[in-house]
Amino acid sequence: MPETFVNNSLAVTSTETDLYTAPSTGTAVILSCVVANVDGGSADDLTLKLTNSSNTQLARVASTVPVPADATLECVPNKLVLKNGQKLRVQGAAASGRLTAFVSALEIT
């Protein structure tokens, strides 16, 4: 079974967006998910969900957690396993993209 380390990052806005999708023919181990507030003056709230491939919520990893200005939040302090096609989806409260998210994973196919 091949193993590949991957990562992804994006600006988090008020629109729920896919941060990471596990391979359709394998599993993934989320090693880290860090969210940074890059705005120097305003806090923002973060919601991080685990969904299936149809975006149906399976679990909330973080629910409207405040991220202070110029601060970071480690959303996955331990490993998180995603089965084939499951996703991590992120959403902030601000439309402006005060938050940035970064995820690193080990894919096993």
C-alpha atoms as a PDB file:
ATOM      1  CA  MET A   1       0.000   0.000   0.000  1.00  0.00           C
ATOM      2  CA  PRO A   2       1.634   3.240  -1.173  1.00  0.00           C
ATOM      3  CA  GLU A   3       1.872   6.084   1.329  1.00  0.00           C
ATOM      4  CA  THR A   4       2.154   9.743   0.332  1.00  0.00           C
ATOM      5  CA  PHE A   5       2.514  12.872   2.450  1.00  0.00           C
ATOM      6  CA  VAL A   6       0.357  15.765   1.186  1.00  0.00           C
ATOM      7  CA  ASN A   7      -0.696  19.221   2.350  1.00  0.00           C
ATOM      8  CA  ASN A   8      -3.113  21.961   1.400  1.00  0.00           C
ATOM      9  CA  SER A   9      -3.847  25.514   2.476  1.00  0.00           C
ATOM     10  CA  LEU A  10      -6.539  28.081   1.774  1.00  0.00           C
ATOM     11  CA  ALA A  11      -8.076  31.351   2.925  1.00  0.00           C
ATOM     12  CA  VAL A  12     -11.100  30.687   5.137  1.00  0.00           C
ATOM     13  CA  THR A  13     -14.191  32.791   4.439  1.00  0.00           C
ATOM     14  CA  SER A  14     -17.836  32.674   5.484  1.00  0.00           C
ATOM     15  CA  THR A  15     -18.508  30.131   2.719  1.00  0.00           C
ATOM     16  CA  GLU A  16     -18.010  26.501   3.783  1.00  0.00           C
ATOM     17  CA  THR A  17     -15.139  25.146   1.681  1.00  0.00           C
ATOM     18  CA  ASP A  18     -13.290  21.851   1.238  1.00  0.00           C
ATOM     19  CA  LEU A  19      -9.907  22.017   2.950  1.00  0.00           C
ATOM     20  CA  TYR A  20      -8.939  18.397   2.322  1.00  0.00           C
ATOM     21  CA  THR A  21     -10.508  15.307   0.706  1.00  0.00           C
ATOM     22  CA  ALA A  22      -9.269  11.784   1.419  1.00  0.00           C
ATOM     23  CA  PRO A  23      -8.459   9.671  -1.647  1.00  0.00           C
ATOM     24  CA  SER A  24     -11.421   7.846  -3.148  1.00  0.00           C
ATOM     25  CA  THR A  25      -9.560   4.527  -3.001  1.00  0.00           C
ATOM     26  CA  GLY A  26      -7.903   4.690   0.396  1.00  0.00           C
ATOM     27  CA  THR A  27      -7.670   6.401   3.725  1.00  0.00           C
ATOM     28  CA  ALA A  28      -5.886   9.442   5.088  1.00  0.00           C
ATOM     29  CA  VAL A  29      -4.404  10.277   8.452  1.00  0.00           C
ATOM     30  CA  ILE A  30      -4.615  13.984   9.235  1.00  0.00           C
ATOM     31  CA  LEU A  31      -1.376  14.809  11.025  1.00  0.00           C
ATOM     32  CA  SER A  32      -1.991  18.496  11.630  1.00  0.00           C
ATOM     33  CA  CYS A  33      -4.556  21.194  10.905  1.00  0.00           C
ATOM     34  CA  VAL A  34      -3.518  24.712  11.851  1.00  0.00           C
ATOM     35  CA  VAL A  35      -5.628  27.836  11.430  1.00  0.00           C
ATOM     36  CA  ALA A  36      -4.029  31.272  11.684  1.00  0.00           C
ATOM     37  CA  ASN A  37      -5.770  34.605  12.059  1.00  0.00           C
ATOM     38  CA  VAL A  38      -3.783  36.895   9.775  1.00  0.00           C
ATOM     39  CA  ASP A  39      -5.834  39.977  10.690  1.00  0.00           C
ATOM     40  CA  GLY A  40      -4.024  42.208  13.165  1.00  0.00           C
ATOM     41  CA  GLY A  41      -7.105  43.696  14.763  1.00  0.00           C
ATOM     42  CA  SER A  42     -10.134  41.395  14.625  1.00  0.00           C
ATOM     43  CA  ALA A  43     -10.942  37.920  15.908  1.00  0.00           C
ATOM     44  CA  ASP A  44     -12.890  35.423  13.803  1.00  0.00           C
ATOM     45  CA  ASP A  45     -14.763  32.214  14.540  1.00  0.00           C
ATOM     46  CA  LEU A  46     -13.820  28.882  12.972  1.00  0.00           C
ATOM     47  CA  THR A  47     -15.964  25.847  12.236  1.00  0.00           C
ATOM     48  CA  LEU A  48     -14.289  22.643  11.010  1.00  0.00           C
ATOM     49  CA  LYS A  49     -16.438  19.688   9.933  1.00  0.00           C
ATOM     50  CA  LEU A  50     -15.877  16.111   8.853  1.00  0.00           C
ATOM     51  CA  THR A  51     -18.259  15.237   6.011  1.00  0.00           C
ATOM     52  CA  ASN A  52     -18.829  12.440   3.543  1.00  0.00           C
ATOM     53  CA  SER A  53     -18.290  12.921  -0.196  1.00  0.00           C
ATOM     54  CA  SER A  54     -21.804  14.437  -0.501  1.00  0.00           C
ATOM     55  CA  ASN A  55     -20.992  17.082   2.170  1.00  0.00           C
ATOM     56  CA  THR A  56     -23.276  15.496   4.766  1.00  0.00           C
ATOM     57  CA  GLN A  57     -21.856  16.316   8.185  1.00  0.00           C
ATOM     58  CA  LEU A  58     -20.456  13.322  10.091  1.00  0.00           C
ATOM     59  CA  ALA A  59     -18.841  15.246  12.967  1.00  0.00           C
ATOM     60  CA  ARG A  60     -17.751  18.708  14.046  1.00  0.00           C
ATOM     61  CA  VAL A  61     -14.080  18.951  14.849  1.00  0.00           C
ATOM     62  CA  ALA A  62     -14.438  22.609  15.906  1.00  0.00           C
ATOM     63  CA  SER A  63     -17.651  24.605  16.258  1.00  0.00           C
ATOM     64  CA  THR A  64     -17.510  28.413  16.119  1.00  0.00           C
ATOM     65  CA  VAL A  65     -14.219  28.470  18.036  1.00  0.00           C
ATOM     66  CA  PRO A  66     -12.846  32.016  18.372  1.00  0.00           C
ATOM     67  CA  VAL A  67      -9.406  32.638  16.877  1.00  0.00           C
ATOM     68  CA  PRO A  68      -8.017  35.930  18.262  1.00  0.00           C
ATOM     69  CA  ALA A  69      -6.239  38.429  16.024  1.00  0.00           C
ATOM     70  CA  ASP A  70      -2.649  37.385  15.210  1.00  0.00           C
ATOM     71  CA  ALA A  71      -3.135  33.951  16.830  1.00  0.00           C
ATOM     72  CA  THR A  72      -3.067  30.334  15.665  1.00  0.00           C
ATOM     73  CA  LEU A  73      -5.205  27.346  16.579  1.00  0.00           C
ATOM     74  CA  GLU A  74      -4.196  23.675  16.255  1.00  0.00           C
ATOM     75  CA  CYS A  75      -7.497  22.015  15.322  1.00  0.00           C
ATOM     76  CA  VAL A  76      -6.260  18.421  15.296  1.00  0.00           C
ATOM     77  CA  PRO A  77      -3.941  17.956  18.284  1.00  0.00           C
ATOM     78  CA  ASN A  78      -3.923  14.188  17.684  1.00  0.00           C
ATOM     79  CA  LYS A  79      -4.326  12.232  14.503  1.00  0.00           C
ATOM     80  CA  LEU A  80      -7.662  12.064  12.692  1.00  0.00           C
ATOM     81  CA  VAL A  81      -8.471   9.241  10.255  1.00  0.00           C
ATOM     82  CA  LEU A  82     -10.586   9.905   7.163  1.00  0.00           C
ATOM     83  CA  LYS A  83     -12.029   7.072   5.110  1.00  0.00           C
ATOM     84  CA  ASN A  84     -12.233   7.135   1.321  1.00  0.00           C
ATOM     85  CA  GLY A  85     -13.837  10.325   0.034  1.00  0.00           C
ATOM     86  CA  GLN A  86     -14.432  11.927   3.443  1.00  0.00           C
ATOM     87  CA  LYS A  87     -13.634  15.640   3.697  1.00  0.00           C
ATOM     88  CA  LEU A  88     -12.541  18.323   6.106  1.00  0.00           C
ATOM     89  CA  ARG A  89     -14.583  21.475   5.432  1.00  0.00           C
ATOM     90  CA  VAL A  90     -13.866  24.878   6.976  1.00  0.00           C
ATOM     91  CA  GLN A  91     -15.854  28.044   7.490  1.00  0.00           C
ATOM     92  CA  GLY A  92     -15.197  31.337   9.230  1.00  0.00           C
ATOM     93  CA  ALA A  93     -17.587  34.029  10.371  1.00  0.00           C
ATOM     94  CA  ALA A  94     -16.006  36.842   8.316  1.00  0.00           C
ATOM     95  CA  ALA A  95     -16.363  36.988   4.566  1.00  0.00           C
ATOM     96  CA  SER A  96     -12.997  38.733   4.247  1.00  0.00           C
ATOM     97  CA  GLY A  97     -10.747  35.726   4.836  1.00  0.00           C
ATOM     98  CA  ARG A  98      -9.157  36.734   8.137  1.00  0.00           C
ATOM     99  CA  LEU A  99      -8.249  33.093   8.678  1.00  0.00           C
ATOM    100  CA  THR A 100      -5.926  30.806   6.751  1.00  0.00           C
ATOM    101  CA  ALA A 101      -5.970  27.029   7.181  1.00  0.00           C
ATOM    102  CA  PHE A 102      -3.204  24.507   6.577  1.00  0.00           C
ATOM    103  CA  VAL A 103      -3.591  20.735   6.721  1.00  0.00           C
ATOM    104  CA  SER A 104      -0.997  17.971   6.373  1.00  0.00           C
ATOM    105  CA  ALA A 105      -1.959  14.353   5.842  1.00  0.00           C
ATOM    106  CA  LEU A 106      -0.603  10.909   5.109  1.00  0.00           C
ATOM    107  CA  GLU A 107      -2.561   9.219   2.327  1.00  0.00           C
ATOM    108  CA  ILE A 108      -2.655   5.420   2.186  1.00  0.00           C
ATOM    109  CA  THR A 109      -3.914   3.963  -1.087  1.00  0.00           C
END
